[in-house]
Amino acid sequence: MTQYLLSVIHDWDALGDTTPEEMQEMFEATGRFNEEIEASGHWVFGGGLEHPSTATVVDGAKGANVVSDGPYLEAKEHLGGFWVIEAADLDEAIELGRRASAACARAVEVRPFQSE
């Protein structure tokens, strides 16, 4: 089985357009999805992330020793959460990504990890 990263693409500015009831339903649907993929053996790890403003960027490349606040990129959309799953093939991973997207009501990028 191959491991895949399912990345939740989140527009943090649009969060204000989501009602508390809608947010609660997304949390519940995501919880049900998590339980389903744990039971089916696809689950490896997953979690939600705090707002991008809580990020710290560390750059030690080429001898640099730079630490800065905030996200590295100025973008409208950022990583909002993720799952690491195991799937038999890309088709199965895409289907799990589709189900993840439906649960969290956000777009989900499906990407395989590099093989060893």
Protein backbone atom coordinates (compact mmCIF):
# COMPACT_ATOMS: atom_id res chain seq x y z
CA MET A 1 0.00 0.00 0.00
CA THR A 2 1.16 3.53 -0.79
CA GLN A 3 0.86 6.43 1.59
CA TYR A 4 -0.86 9.60 0.42
CA LEU A 5 -1.24 13.06 1.87
CA LEU A 6 -4.78 14.45 1.75
CA SER A 7 -4.35 18.21 2.22
CA VAL A 8 -7.35 20.38 3.11
CA ILE A 9 -7.18 23.60 1.09
CA HIS A 10 -8.69 26.24 3.34
CA ASP A 11 -9.62 29.86 2.62
CA TRP A 12 -9.33 31.32 6.10
CA ASP A 13 -10.94 34.61 5.04
CA ALA A 14 -14.11 32.77 3.95
CA LEU A 15 -14.41 31.20 7.41
CA GLY A 16 -16.55 34.18 8.47
CA ASP A 17 -19.16 33.09 5.90
CA THR A 18 -19.65 29.79 7.75
CA THR A 19 -22.33 29.68 10.44
CA PRO A 20 -21.61 27.97 13.77
CA GLU A 21 -24.17 25.30 12.79
CA GLU A 22 -22.42 24.64 9.49
CA MET A 23 -19.06 24.49 11.25
CA GLN A 24 -20.41 21.97 13.77
CA GLU A 25 -21.77 19.78 10.96
CA MET A 26 -18.35 19.85 9.23
CA PHE A 27 -16.65 18.81 12.48
CA GLU A 28 -19.16 15.97 12.98
CA ALA A 29 -18.91 14.79 9.36
CA THR A 30 -15.11 14.89 9.53
CA GLY A 31 -15.21 12.90 12.78
CA ARG A 32 -17.39 10.25 11.10
CA PHE A 33 -15.00 10.13 8.13
CA ASN A 34 -12.05 9.70 10.50
CA GLU A 35 -13.80 6.80 12.26
CA GLU A 36 -14.58 5.15 8.90
CA ILE A 37 -11.02 5.31 7.59
CA GLU A 38 -9.63 4.14 10.93
CA ALA A 39 -11.97 1.13 10.86
CA SER A 40 -11.09 0.34 7.22
CA GLY A 41 -7.33 0.42 7.89
CA HIS A 42 -6.59 3.47 5.70
CA TRP A 43 -5.81 5.85 8.59
CA VAL A 44 -2.17 6.63 9.38
CA PHE A 45 -2.37 10.11 10.91
CA GLY A 46 -4.33 13.31 10.57
CA GLY A 47 -5.12 16.62 12.17
CA GLY A 48 -6.39 20.15 11.80
CA LEU A 49 -4.12 23.18 11.90
CA GLU A 50 -4.46 26.54 13.60
CA HIS A 51 -4.76 29.79 11.60
CA PRO A 52 -1.73 30.56 9.38
CA SER A 53 -0.95 33.62 11.52
CA THR A 54 0.22 31.20 14.24
CA ALA A 55 2.95 29.82 11.94
CA THR A 56 6.67 30.30 12.49
CA VAL A 57 8.99 29.93 9.52
CA VAL A 58 12.50 28.60 10.18
CA ASP A 59 15.10 28.92 7.42
CA GLY A 60 18.38 27.14 8.05
CA ALA A 61 19.19 26.67 4.37
CA LYS A 62 22.71 27.52 3.20
CA GLY A 63 23.82 28.44 6.71
CA ALA A 64 21.02 30.91 7.30
CA ASN A 65 19.55 31.13 10.75
CA VAL A 66 16.32 33.02 10.15
CA VAL A 67 13.15 32.66 12.22
CA SER A 68 10.13 34.75 11.24
CA ASP A 69 6.49 34.98 12.27
CA GLY A 70 3.59 34.11 10.03
CA PRO A 71 3.21 32.04 6.90
CA TYR A 72 6.03 31.99 4.38
CA LEU A 73 3.74 32.70 1.44
CA GLU A 74 1.17 35.42 1.11
CA ALA A 75 -1.79 33.51 -0.22
CA LYS A 76 -5.55 33.43 0.06
CA GLU A 77 -5.61 29.69 0.74
CA HIS A 78 -3.46 27.71 3.15
CA LEU A 79 -3.24 24.20 4.52
CA GLY A 80 -6.09 23.85 7.01
CA GLY A 81 -5.58 20.22 7.97
CA PHE A 82 -4.48 16.91 6.57
CA TRP A 83 -4.66 13.15 6.65
CA VAL A 84 -1.92 10.66 5.91
CA ILE A 85 -3.60 7.55 4.54
CA GLU A 86 -2.63 4.23 3.02
CA ALA A 87 -4.36 3.20 -0.19
CA ALA A 88 -3.92 0.41 -2.69
CA ASP A 89 -3.59 2.86 -5.60
CA LEU A 90 -4.26 6.41 -6.74
CA ASP A 91 -7.89 5.64 -7.61
CA GLU A 92 -8.60 4.50 -4.07
CA ALA A 93 -6.75 7.53 -2.65
CA ILE A 94 -8.79 9.87 -4.87
CA GLU A 95 -12.01 8.27 -3.66
CA LEU A 96 -10.91 8.77 -0.05
CA GLY A 97 -9.98 12.36 -0.94
CA ARG A 98 -13.45 12.89 -2.39
CA ARG A 99 -15.04 11.60 0.80
CA ALA A 100 -12.71 13.76 2.91
CA SER A 101 -13.65 16.82 0.87
CA ALA A 102 -17.35 16.11 1.28
CA ALA A 103 -16.89 15.71 5.05
CA CYS A 104 -14.90 18.90 5.67
CA ALA A 105 -16.63 20.93 2.92
CA ARG A 106 -13.30 22.07 1.50
CA ALA A 107 -11.17 21.11 -1.49
CA VAL A 108 -8.67 18.32 -0.77
CA GLU A 109 -5.42 17.73 -2.64
CA VAL A 110 -4.37 14.08 -2.97
CA ARG A 111 -0.62 13.54 -3.29
CA PRO A 112 1.49 10.37 -2.96
CA PHE A 113 4.57 10.31 -0.76
CA GLN A 114 7.87 9.65 -2.53
CA SER A 115 8.77 6.00 -2.65
CA GLU A 116 11.81 4.92 -0.66
